[in-house]
Amino acid sequence: MDINEKQDTNKPITFVLSDESVNSYGFVVLTEGIDTSAFERNPVMLYMHNRDGNVIGRWENIRKDGKRLLGDAVFDDSTELAASGKGLFALCIYRH
């Protein structure tokens, strides 16, 4: 998406949840070995990975695409934190 192009804010935003690059701990997670079945029973999206009441939405359409694990973010517009985060992604302030 071009940074100057306006995004439909009601459309889910697709994120790369994992890929096979070296992570911050110095190892690689192979996408083919990822089992998302437990996560998909309650696919909450947390702000900054913080579990203390910072649910800002849910993940849908979690899927493997080659060496990437993708998911579509559905933000909870009823909370100020989630609406703010969604707006920042839509404006390309945060990168996904």
PDB file of N, CA and C in Angstrom:
ATOM      1  N   MET A   1       0.839  -1.175   0.000  1.00  0.00           N
ATOM      2  CA  MET A   1       0.000   0.000   0.000  1.00  0.00           C
ATOM      3  C   MET A   1       0.889   1.244   0.000  1.00  0.00           C
ATOM      4  N   ASP A   2       0.596   2.175  -0.849  1.00  0.00           N
ATOM      5  CA  ASP A   2       1.308   3.446  -0.897  1.00  0.00           C
ATOM      6  C   ASP A   2       0.987   4.217   0.387  1.00  0.00           C
ATOM      7  N   ILE A   3       1.997   4.851   0.974  1.00  0.00           N
ATOM      8  CA  ILE A   3       1.817   5.562   2.243  1.00  0.00           C
ATOM      9  C   ILE A   3       0.790   6.686   2.136  1.00  0.00           C
ATOM     10  N   ASN A   4       0.586   7.230   0.932  1.00  0.00           N
ATOM     11  CA  ASN A   4      -0.378   8.310   0.737  1.00  0.00           C
ATOM     12  C   ASN A   4      -1.767   7.797   0.383  1.00  0.00           C
ATOM     13  N   GLU A   5      -1.895   6.503   0.187  1.00  0.00           N
ATOM     14  CA  GLU A   5      -3.173   5.910  -0.174  1.00  0.00           C
ATOM     15  C   GLU A   5      -3.999   5.698   1.085  1.00  0.00           C
ATOM     16  N   LYS A   6      -5.263   6.139   1.069  1.00  0.00           N
ATOM     17  CA  LYS A   6      -6.137   5.972   2.223  1.00  0.00           C
ATOM     18  C   LYS A   6      -6.640   4.540   2.266  1.00  0.00           C
ATOM     19  N   GLN A   7      -6.541   3.928   3.439  1.00  0.00           N
ATOM     20  CA  GLN A   7      -6.991   2.553   3.614  1.00  0.00           C
ATOM     21  C   GLN A   7      -8.404   2.549   4.165  1.00  0.00           C
ATOM     22  N   ASP A   8      -9.216   1.582   3.721  1.00  0.00           N
ATOM     23  CA  ASP A   8     -10.549   1.381   4.268  1.00  0.00           C
ATOM     24  C   ASP A   8     -10.386   0.914   5.710  1.00  0.00           C
ATOM     25  N   THR A   9     -10.832   1.734   6.679  1.00  0.00           N
ATOM     26  CA  THR A   9     -10.609   1.410   8.081  1.00  0.00           C
ATOM     27  C   THR A   9     -11.505   0.281   8.575  1.00  0.00           C
ATOM     28  N   ASN A  10     -12.462  -0.177   7.783  1.00  0.00           N
ATOM     29  CA  ASN A  10     -13.294  -1.305   8.181  1.00  0.00           C
ATOM     30  C   ASN A  10     -12.760  -2.626   7.645  1.00  0.00           C
ATOM     31  N   LYS A  11     -11.770  -2.555   6.784  1.00  0.00           N
ATOM     32  CA  LYS A  11     -11.175  -3.753   6.209  1.00  0.00           C
ATOM     33  C   LYS A  11     -10.126  -4.298   7.174  1.00  0.00           C
ATOM     34  N   PRO A  12     -10.109  -5.616   7.407  1.00  0.00           N
ATOM     35  CA  PRO A  12      -9.060  -6.169   8.278  1.00  0.00           C
ATOM     36  C   PRO A  12      -7.677  -5.856   7.721  1.00  0.00           C
ATOM     37  N   ILE A  13      -6.725  -5.701   8.618  1.00  0.00           N
ATOM     38  CA  ILE A  13      -5.348  -5.441   8.240  1.00  0.00           C
ATOM     39  C   ILE A  13      -4.575  -6.740   8.419  1.00  0.00           C
ATOM     40  N   THR A  14      -3.926  -7.207   7.359  1.00  0.00           N
ATOM     41  CA  THR A  14      -3.172  -8.449   7.420  1.00  0.00           C
ATOM     42  C   THR A  14      -1.772  -8.181   7.962  1.00  0.00           C
ATOM     43  N   PHE A  15      -1.377  -8.990   8.946  1.00  0.00           N
ATOM     44  CA  PHE A  15      -0.068  -8.890   9.569  1.00  0.00           C
ATOM     45  C   PHE A  15       0.701 -10.186   9.363  1.00  0.00           C
ATOM     46  N   VAL A  16       2.010 -10.081   9.303  1.00  0.00           N
ATOM     47  CA  VAL A  16       2.882 -11.253   9.357  1.00  0.00           C
ATOM     48  C   VAL A  16       3.095 -11.537  10.838  1.00  0.00           C
ATOM     49  N   LEU A  17       2.544 -12.648  11.324  1.00  0.00           N
ATOM     50  CA  LEU A  17       2.667 -13.006  12.733  1.00  0.00           C
ATOM     51  C   LEU A  17       3.995 -13.686  13.021  1.00  0.00           C
ATOM     52  N   SER A  18       4.517 -14.380  12.035  1.00  0.00           N
ATOM     53  CA  SER A  18       5.808 -15.052  12.166  1.00  0.00           C
ATOM     54  C   SER A  18       6.341 -15.330  10.773  1.00  0.00           C
ATOM     55  N   ASP A  19       7.653 -15.418  10.678  1.00  0.00           N
ATOM     56  CA  ASP A  19       8.288 -15.858   9.442  1.00  0.00           C
ATOM     57  C   ASP A  19       9.549 -16.620   9.840  1.00  0.00           C
ATOM     58  N   GLU A  20      10.323 -17.003   8.894  1.00  0.00           N
ATOM     59  CA  GLU A  20      11.475 -17.839   9.204  1.00  0.00           C
ATOM     60  C   GLU A  20      12.773 -17.050   9.317  1.00  0.00           C
ATOM     61  N   SER A  21      12.671 -15.774   9.636  1.00  0.00           N
ATOM     62  CA  SER A  21      13.888 -14.989   9.869  1.00  0.00           C
ATOM     63  C   SER A  21      14.378 -15.248  11.297  1.00  0.00           C
ATOM     64  N   VAL A  22      15.634 -14.931  11.536  1.00  0.00           N
ATOM     65  CA  VAL A  22      16.207 -15.097  12.871  1.00  0.00           C
ATOM     66  C   VAL A  22      15.518 -14.105  13.806  1.00  0.00           C
ATOM     67  N   ASN A  23      14.998 -14.625  14.934  1.00  0.00           N
ATOM     68  CA  ASN A  23      14.270 -13.751  15.850  1.00  0.00           C
ATOM     69  C   ASN A  23      15.211 -13.088  16.854  1.00  0.00           C
ATOM     70  N   SER A  24      14.649 -12.322  17.760  1.00  0.00           N
ATOM     71  CA  SER A  24      15.461 -11.561  18.717  1.00  0.00           C
ATOM     72  C   SER A  24      16.200 -12.447  19.710  1.00  0.00           C
ATOM     73  N   TYR A  25      15.844 -13.718  19.780  1.00  0.00           N
ATOM     74  CA  TYR A  25      16.548 -14.661  20.658  1.00  0.00           C
ATOM     75  C   TYR A  25      17.633 -15.430  19.902  1.00  0.00           C
ATOM     76  N   GLY A  26      17.766 -15.166  18.599  1.00  0.00           N
ATOM     77  CA  GLY A  26      18.816 -15.787  17.811  1.00  0.00           C
ATOM     78  C   GLY A  26      18.459 -17.127  17.197  1.00  0.00           C
ATOM     79  N   PHE A  27      17.170 -17.470  17.156  1.00  0.00           N
ATOM     80  CA  PHE A  27      16.803 -18.726  16.511  1.00  0.00           C
ATOM     81  C   PHE A  27      15.686 -18.509  15.509  1.00  0.00           C
ATOM     82  N   VAL A  28      15.419 -19.552  14.732  1.00  0.00           N
ATOM     83  CA  VAL A  28      14.425 -19.508  13.664  1.00  0.00           C
ATOM     84  C   VAL A  28      13.284 -20.459  14.013  1.00  0.00           C
ATOM     85  N   VAL A  29      12.052 -19.998  13.833  1.00  0.00           N
ATOM     86  CA  VAL A  29      10.875 -20.850  13.997  1.00  0.00           C
ATOM     87  C   VAL A  29      10.410 -21.241  12.601  1.00  0.00           C
ATOM     88  N   LEU A  30      10.391 -22.541  12.326  1.00  0.00           N
ATOM     89  CA  LEU A  30       9.941 -23.010  11.019  1.00  0.00           C
ATOM     90  C   LEU A  30       8.421 -22.945  10.952  1.00  0.00           C
ATOM     91  N   THR A  31       7.907 -22.257   9.960  1.00  0.00           N
ATOM     92  CA  THR A  31       6.474 -22.053   9.823  1.00  0.00           C
ATOM     93  C   THR A  31       5.719 -23.367   9.719  1.00  0.00           C
ATOM     94  N   GLU A  32       6.256 -24.327   8.998  1.00  0.00           N
ATOM     95  CA  GLU A  32       5.550 -25.598   8.835  1.00  0.00           C
ATOM     96  C   GLU A  32       5.342 -26.313  10.169  1.00  0.00           C
ATOM     97  N   GLY A  33       6.143 -25.988  11.185  1.00  0.00           N
ATOM     98  CA  GLY A  33       6.011 -26.625  12.489  1.00  0.00           C
ATOM     99  C   GLY A  33       5.104 -25.893  13.464  1.00  0.00           C
ATOM    100  N   ILE A  34       4.572 -24.752  13.080  1.00  0.00           N
ATOM    101  CA  ILE A  34       3.713 -23.971  13.976  1.00  0.00           C
ATOM    102  C   ILE A  34       2.321 -24.597  14.022  1.00  0.00           C
ATOM    103  N   ASP A  35       1.839 -24.866  15.229  1.00  0.00           N
ATOM    104  CA  ASP A  35       0.492 -25.390  15.439  1.00  0.00           C
ATOM    105  C   ASP A  35      -0.325 -24.291  16.113  1.00  0.00           C
ATOM    106  N   THR A  36      -1.294 -23.734  15.401  1.00  0.00           N
ATOM    107  CA  THR A  36      -2.098 -22.620  15.922  1.00  0.00           C
ATOM    108  C   THR A  36      -3.440 -23.069  16.495  1.00  0.00           C
ATOM    109  N   SER A  37      -3.682 -24.373  16.574  1.00  0.00           N
ATOM    110  CA  SER A  37      -5.007 -24.855  16.967  1.00  0.00           C
ATOM    111  C   SER A  37      -5.436 -24.355  18.349  1.00  0.00           C
ATOM    112  N   ALA A  38      -4.556 -24.342  19.338  1.00  0.00           N
ATOM    113  CA  ALA A  38      -4.926 -23.846  20.668  1.00  0.00           C
ATOM    114  C   ALA A  38      -5.176 -22.340  20.623  1.00  0.00           C
ATOM    115  N   PHE A  39      -4.315 -21.607  19.952  1.00  0.00           N
ATOM    116  CA  PHE A  39      -4.476 -20.154  19.850  1.00  0.00           C
ATOM    117  C   PHE A  39      -5.781 -19.789  19.153  1.00  0.00           C
ATOM    118  N   GLU A  40      -6.146 -20.535  18.123  1.00  0.00           N
ATOM    119  CA  GLU A  40      -7.337 -20.204  17.354  1.00  0.00           C
ATOM    120  C   GLU A  40      -8.631 -20.404  18.140  1.00  0.00           C
ATOM    121  N   ARG A  41      -8.587 -21.098  19.263  1.00  0.00           N
ATOM    122  CA  ARG A  41      -9.784 -21.233  20.106  1.00  0.00           C
ATOM    123  C   ARG A  41     -10.105 -19.914  20.812  1.00  0.00           C
ATOM    124  N   ASN A  42      -9.103 -19.060  21.002  1.00  0.00           N
ATOM    125  CA  ASN A  42      -9.287 -17.750  21.642  1.00  0.00           C
ATOM    126  C   ASN A  42      -8.233 -16.791  21.092  1.00  0.00           C
ATOM    127  N   PRO A  43      -8.396 -16.374  19.832  1.00  0.00           N
ATOM    128  CA  PRO A  43      -7.342 -15.605  19.151  1.00  0.00           C
ATOM    129  C   PRO A  43      -7.356 -14.113  19.471  1.00  0.00           C
ATOM    130  N   VAL A  44      -7.139 -13.787  20.744  1.00  0.00           N
ATOM    131  CA  VAL A  44      -7.169 -12.382  21.144  1.00  0.00           C
ATOM    132  C   VAL A  44      -5.911 -11.657  20.681  1.00  0.00           C
ATOM    133  N   MET A  45      -6.081 -10.398  20.373  1.00  0.00           N
ATOM    134  CA  MET A  45      -4.966  -9.530  19.991  1.00  0.00           C
ATOM    135  C   MET A  45      -4.685  -8.632  21.193  1.00  0.00           C
ATOM    136  N   LEU A  46      -3.466  -8.695  21.698  1.00  0.00           N
ATOM    137  CA  LEU A  46      -3.081  -7.943  22.885  1.00  0.00           C
ATOM    138  C   LEU A  46      -2.222  -6.744  22.498  1.00  0.00           C
ATOM    139  N   TYR A  47      -2.403  -5.646  23.195  1.00  0.00           N
ATOM    140  CA  TYR A  47      -1.569  -4.475  22.994  1.00  0.00           C
ATOM    141  C   TYR A  47      -0.202  -4.738  23.617  1.00  0.00           C
ATOM    142  N   MET A  48       0.858  -4.683  22.819  1.00  0.00           N
ATOM    143  CA  MET A  48       2.237  -4.873  23.266  1.00  0.00           C
ATOM    144  C   MET A  48       2.428  -6.214  23.986  1.00  0.00           C
ATOM    145  N   HIS A  49       1.649  -7.236  23.606  1.00  0.00           N
ATOM    146  CA  HIS A  49       1.744  -8.577  24.184  1.00  0.00           C
ATOM    147  C   HIS A  49       1.405  -8.595  25.671  1.00  0.00           C
ATOM    148  N   ASN A  50       0.768  -7.557  26.171  1.00  0.00           N
ATOM    149  CA  ASN A  50       0.461  -7.422  27.595  1.00  0.00           C
ATOM    150  C   ASN A  50      -0.907  -8.030  27.890  1.00  0.00           C
ATOM    151  N   ARG A  51      -0.950  -9.026  28.768  1.00  0.00           N
ATOM    152  CA  ARG A  51      -2.188  -9.739  29.093  1.00  0.00           C
ATOM    153  C   ARG A  51      -3.041  -9.045  30.144  1.00  0.00           C
ATOM    154  N   ASP A  52      -2.579  -7.954  30.709  1.00  0.00           N
ATOM    155  CA  ASP A  52      -3.292  -7.285  31.801  1.00  0.00           C
ATOM    156  C   ASP A  52      -4.395  -6.362  31.300  1.00  0.00           C
ATOM    157  N   GLY A  53      -5.430  -6.938  30.734  1.00  0.00           N
ATOM    158  CA  GLY A  53      -6.581  -6.148  30.307  1.00  0.00           C
ATOM    159  C   GLY A  53      -6.359  -5.321  29.067  1.00  0.00           C
ATOM    160  N   ASN A  54      -5.381  -5.682  28.261  1.00  0.00           N
ATOM    161  CA  ASN A  54      -5.067  -4.896  27.077  1.00  0.00           C
ATOM    162  C   ASN A  54      -5.470  -5.601  25.791  1.00  0.00           C
ATOM    163  N   VAL A  55      -6.658  -6.206  25.783  1.00  0.00           N
ATOM    164  CA  VAL A  55      -7.172  -6.834  24.568  1.00  0.00           C
ATOM    165  C   VAL A  55      -7.686  -5.729  23.662  1.00  0.00           C
ATOM    166  N   ILE A  56      -7.139  -5.682  22.447  1.00  0.00           N
ATOM    167  CA  ILE A  56      -7.549  -4.625  21.512  1.00  0.00           C
ATOM    168  C   ILE A  56      -8.273  -5.179  20.289  1.00  0.00           C
ATOM    169  N   GLY A  57      -8.444  -6.491  20.241  1.00  0.00           N
ATOM    170  CA  GLY A  57      -9.158  -7.084  19.114  1.00  0.00           C
ATOM    171  C   GLY A  57      -8.942  -8.585  19.069  1.00  0.00           C
ATOM    172  N   ARG A  58      -9.148  -9.121  17.882  1.00  0.00           N
ATOM    173  CA  ARG A  58      -8.974 -10.560  17.682  1.00  0.00           C
ATOM    174  C   ARG A  58      -8.310 -10.788  16.329  1.00  0.00           C
ATOM    175  N   TRP A  59      -7.777 -11.995  16.165  1.00  0.00           N
ATOM    176  CA  TRP A  59      -7.160 -12.398  14.906  1.00  0.00           C
ATOM    177  C   TRP A  59      -8.118 -13.315  14.168  1.00  0.00           C
ATOM    178  N   GLU A  60      -8.249 -13.094  12.884  1.00  0.00           N
ATOM    179  CA  GLU A  60      -9.067 -13.951  12.021  1.00  0.00           C
ATOM    180  C   GLU A  60      -8.214 -14.414  10.844  1.00  0.00           C
ATOM    181  N   ASN A  61      -8.714 -15.444  10.166  1.00  0.00           N
ATOM    182  CA  ASN A  61      -8.073 -15.922   8.945  1.00  0.00           C
ATOM    183  C   ASN A  61      -6.578 -16.186   9.160  1.00  0.00           C
ATOM    184  N   ILE A  62      -6.253 -16.858  10.248  1.00  0.00           N
ATOM    185  CA  ILE A  62      -4.860 -17.214  10.532  1.00  0.00           C
ATOM    186  C   ILE A  62      -4.462 -18.316   9.560  1.00  0.00           C
ATOM    187  N   ARG A  63      -3.346 -18.079   8.848  1.00  0.00           N
ATOM    188  CA  ARG A  63      -2.994 -19.003   7.776  1.00  0.00           C
ATOM    189  C   ARG A  63      -1.508 -18.989   7.500  1.00  0.00           C
ATOM    190  N   LYS A  64      -1.058 -20.056   6.892  1.00  0.00           N
ATOM    191  CA  LYS A  64       0.335 -20.151   6.464  1.00  0.00           C
ATOM    192  C   LYS A  64       0.408 -19.811   4.983  1.00  0.00           C
ATOM    193  N   ASP A  65       1.380 -19.001   4.638  1.00  0.00           N
ATOM    194  CA  ASP A  65       1.603 -18.586   3.256  1.00  0.00           C
ATOM    195  C   ASP A  65       3.097 -18.708   2.998  1.00  0.00           C
ATOM    196  N   GLY A  66       3.492 -19.855   2.462  1.00  0.00           N
ATOM    197  CA  GLY A  66       4.918 -20.105   2.275  1.00  0.00           C
ATOM    198  C   GLY A  66       5.609 -20.179   3.616  1.00  0.00           C
ATOM    199  N   LYS A  67       6.592 -19.308   3.826  1.00  0.00           N
ATOM    200  CA  LYS A  67       7.347 -19.305   5.076  1.00  0.00           C
ATOM    201  C   LYS A  67       6.816 -18.286   6.079  1.00  0.00           C
ATOM    202  N   ARG A  68       5.611 -17.779   5.833  1.00  0.00           N
ATOM    203  CA  ARG A  68       5.034 -16.773   6.726  1.00  0.00           C
ATOM    204  C   ARG A  68       3.744 -17.285   7.361  1.00  0.00           C
ATOM    205  N   LEU A  69       3.517 -16.885   8.606  1.00  0.00           N
ATOM    206  CA  LEU A  69       2.239 -17.094   9.277  1.00  0.00           C
ATOM    207  C   LEU A  69       1.545 -15.744   9.267  1.00  0.00           C
ATOM    208  N   LEU A  70       0.363 -15.682   8.665  1.00  0.00           N
ATOM    209  CA  LEU A  70      -0.372 -14.431   8.520  1.00  0.00           C
ATOM    210  C   LEU A  70      -1.648 -14.461   9.347  1.00  0.00           C
ATOM    211  N   GLY A  71      -2.131 -13.299   9.725  1.00  0.00           N
ATOM    212  CA  GLY A  71      -3.407 -13.171  10.410  1.00  0.00           C
ATOM    213  C   GLY A  71      -4.012 -11.817  10.110  1.00  0.00           C
ATOM    214  N   ASP A  72      -5.337 -11.781  10.075  1.00  0.00           N
ATOM    215  CA  ASP A  72      -6.052 -10.526   9.835  1.00  0.00           C
ATOM    216  C   ASP A  72      -6.496  -9.953  11.178  1.00  0.00           C
ATOM    217  N   ALA A  73      -6.088  -8.732  11.451  1.00  0.00           N
ATOM    218  CA  ALA A  73      -6.432  -8.055  12.698  1.00  0.00           C
ATOM    219  C   ALA A  73      -7.821  -7.454  12.593  1.00  0.00           C
ATOM    220  N   VAL A  74      -8.652  -7.743  13.588  1.00  0.00           N
ATOM    221  CA  VAL A  74      -9.968  -7.119  13.710  1.00  0.00           C
ATOM    222  C   VAL A  74      -9.947  -6.370  15.034  1.00  0.00           C
ATOM    223  N   PHE A  75      -9.870  -5.052  14.965  1.00  0.00           N
ATOM    224  CA  PHE A  75      -9.756  -4.222  16.162  1.00  0.00           C
ATOM    225  C   PHE A  75     -11.117  -4.034  16.827  1.00  0.00           C
ATOM    226  N   ASP A  76     -11.113  -3.957  18.153  1.00  0.00           N
ATOM    227  CA  ASP A  76     -12.313  -3.699  18.947  1.00  0.00           C
ATOM    228  C   ASP A  76     -12.489  -2.191  19.039  1.00  0.00           C
ATOM    229  N   ASP A  77     -13.351  -1.646  18.205  1.00  0.00           N
ATOM    230  CA  ASP A  77     -13.529  -0.194  18.147  1.00  0.00           C
ATOM    231  C   ASP A  77     -14.215   0.390  19.376  1.00  0.00           C
ATOM    232  N   SER A  78     -14.665  -0.463  20.301  1.00  0.00           N
ATOM    233  CA  SER A  78     -15.359   0.049  21.484  1.00  0.00           C
ATOM    234  C   SER A  78     -14.401   0.553  22.559  1.00  0.00           C
ATOM    235  N   THR A  79     -13.097   0.274  22.395  1.00  0.00           N
ATOM    236  CA  THR A  79     -12.137   0.781  23.381  1.00  0.00           C
ATOM    237  C   THR A  79     -11.266   1.854  22.737  1.00  0.00           C
ATOM    238  N   GLU A  80     -10.911   2.842  23.519  1.00  0.00           N
ATOM    239  CA  GLU A  80     -10.095   3.935  23.010  1.00  0.00           C
ATOM    240  C   GLU A  80      -8.721   3.443  22.557  1.00  0.00           C
ATOM    241  N   LEU A  81      -8.120   2.534  23.323  1.00  0.00           N
ATOM    242  CA  LEU A  81      -6.801   2.006  22.982  1.00  0.00           C
ATOM    243  C   LEU A  81      -6.826   1.290  21.633  1.00  0.00           C
ATOM    244  N   ALA A  82      -7.828   0.442  21.428  1.00  0.00           N
ATOM    245  CA  ALA A  82      -7.922  -0.307  20.171  1.00  0.00           C
ATOM    246  C   ALA A  82      -8.216   0.618  18.994  1.00  0.00           C
ATOM    247  N   ALA A  83      -9.145   1.543  19.179  1.00  0.00           N
ATOM    248  CA  ALA A  83      -9.487   2.473  18.099  1.00  0.00           C
ATOM    249  C   ALA A  83      -8.279   3.323  17.717  1.00  0.00           C
ATOM    250  N   SER A  84      -7.507   3.729  18.714  1.00  0.00           N
ATOM    251  CA  SER A  84      -6.304   4.514  18.452  1.00  0.00           C
ATOM    252  C   SER A  84      -5.275   3.691  17.674  1.00  0.00           C
ATOM    253  N   GLY A  85      -5.051   2.454  18.121  1.00  0.00           N
ATOM    254  CA  GLY A  85      -4.112   1.576  17.421  1.00  0.00           C
ATOM    255  C   GLY A  85      -4.535   1.320  15.993  1.00  0.00           C
ATOM    256  N   LYS A  86      -5.812   1.054  15.788  1.00  0.00           N
ATOM    257  CA  LYS A  86      -6.331   0.820  14.442  1.00  0.00           C
ATOM    258  C   LYS A  86      -6.099   2.038  13.559  1.00  0.00           C
ATOM    259  N   GLY A  87      -6.360   3.210  14.101  1.00  0.00           N
ATOM    260  CA  GLY A  87      -6.166   4.435  13.335  1.00  0.00           C
ATOM    261  C   GLY A  87      -4.713   4.655  12.961  1.00  0.00           C
ATOM    262  N   LEU A  88      -3.798   4.350  13.880  1.00  0.00           N
ATOM    263  CA  LEU A  88      -2.376   4.526  13.593  1.00  0.00           C
ATOM    264  C   LEU A  88      -1.900   3.565  12.510  1.00  0.00           C
ATOM    265  N   PHE A  89      -2.408   2.335  12.495  1.00  0.00           N
ATOM    266  CA  PHE A  89      -2.051   1.405  11.429  1.00  0.00           C
ATOM    267  C   PHE A  89      -2.650   1.858  10.104  1.00  0.00           C
ATOM    268  N   ALA A  90      -3.895   2.326  10.135  1.00  0.00           N
ATOM    269  CA  ALA A  90      -4.548   2.770   8.904  1.00  0.00           C
ATOM    270  C   ALA A  90      -3.819   3.965   8.287  1.00  0.00           C
ATOM    271  N   LEU A  91      -3.248   4.809   9.119  1.00  0.00           N
ATOM    272  CA  LEU A  91      -2.512   5.971   8.626  1.00  0.00           C
ATOM    273  C   LEU A  91      -1.052   5.666   8.338  1.00  0.00           C
ATOM    274  N   CYS A  92      -0.658   4.400   8.513  1.00  0.00           N
ATOM    275  CA  CYS A  92       0.719   3.945   8.297  1.00  0.00           C
ATOM    276  C   CYS A  92       1.699   4.585   9.271  1.00  0.00           C
ATOM    277  N   ILE A  93       1.223   4.986  10.447  1.00  0.00           N
ATOM    278  CA  ILE A  93       2.119   5.476  11.503  1.00  0.00           C
ATOM    279  C   ILE A  93       2.885   4.287  12.066  1.00  0.00           C
ATOM    280  N   TYR A  94       2.165   3.194  12.338  1.00  0.00           N
ATOM    281  CA  TYR A  94       2.796   1.921  12.700  1.00  0.00           C
ATOM    282  C   TYR A  94       2.891   1.095  11.427  1.00  0.00           C
ATOM    283  N   ARG A  95       3.921   0.308  11.331  1.00  0.00           N
ATOM    284  CA  ARG A  95       4.105  -0.566  10.160  1.00  0.00           C
ATOM    285  C   ARG A  95       3.649  -1.974  10.502  1.00  0.00           C
ATOM    286  N   HIS A  96       3.123  -2.638   9.509  1.00  0.00           N
ATOM    287  CA  HIS A  96       2.715  -4.039   9.693  1.00  0.00           C
ATOM    288  C   HIS A  96       3.272  -4.873   8.590  1.00  0.00           C
TER     289      HIS A  96
END
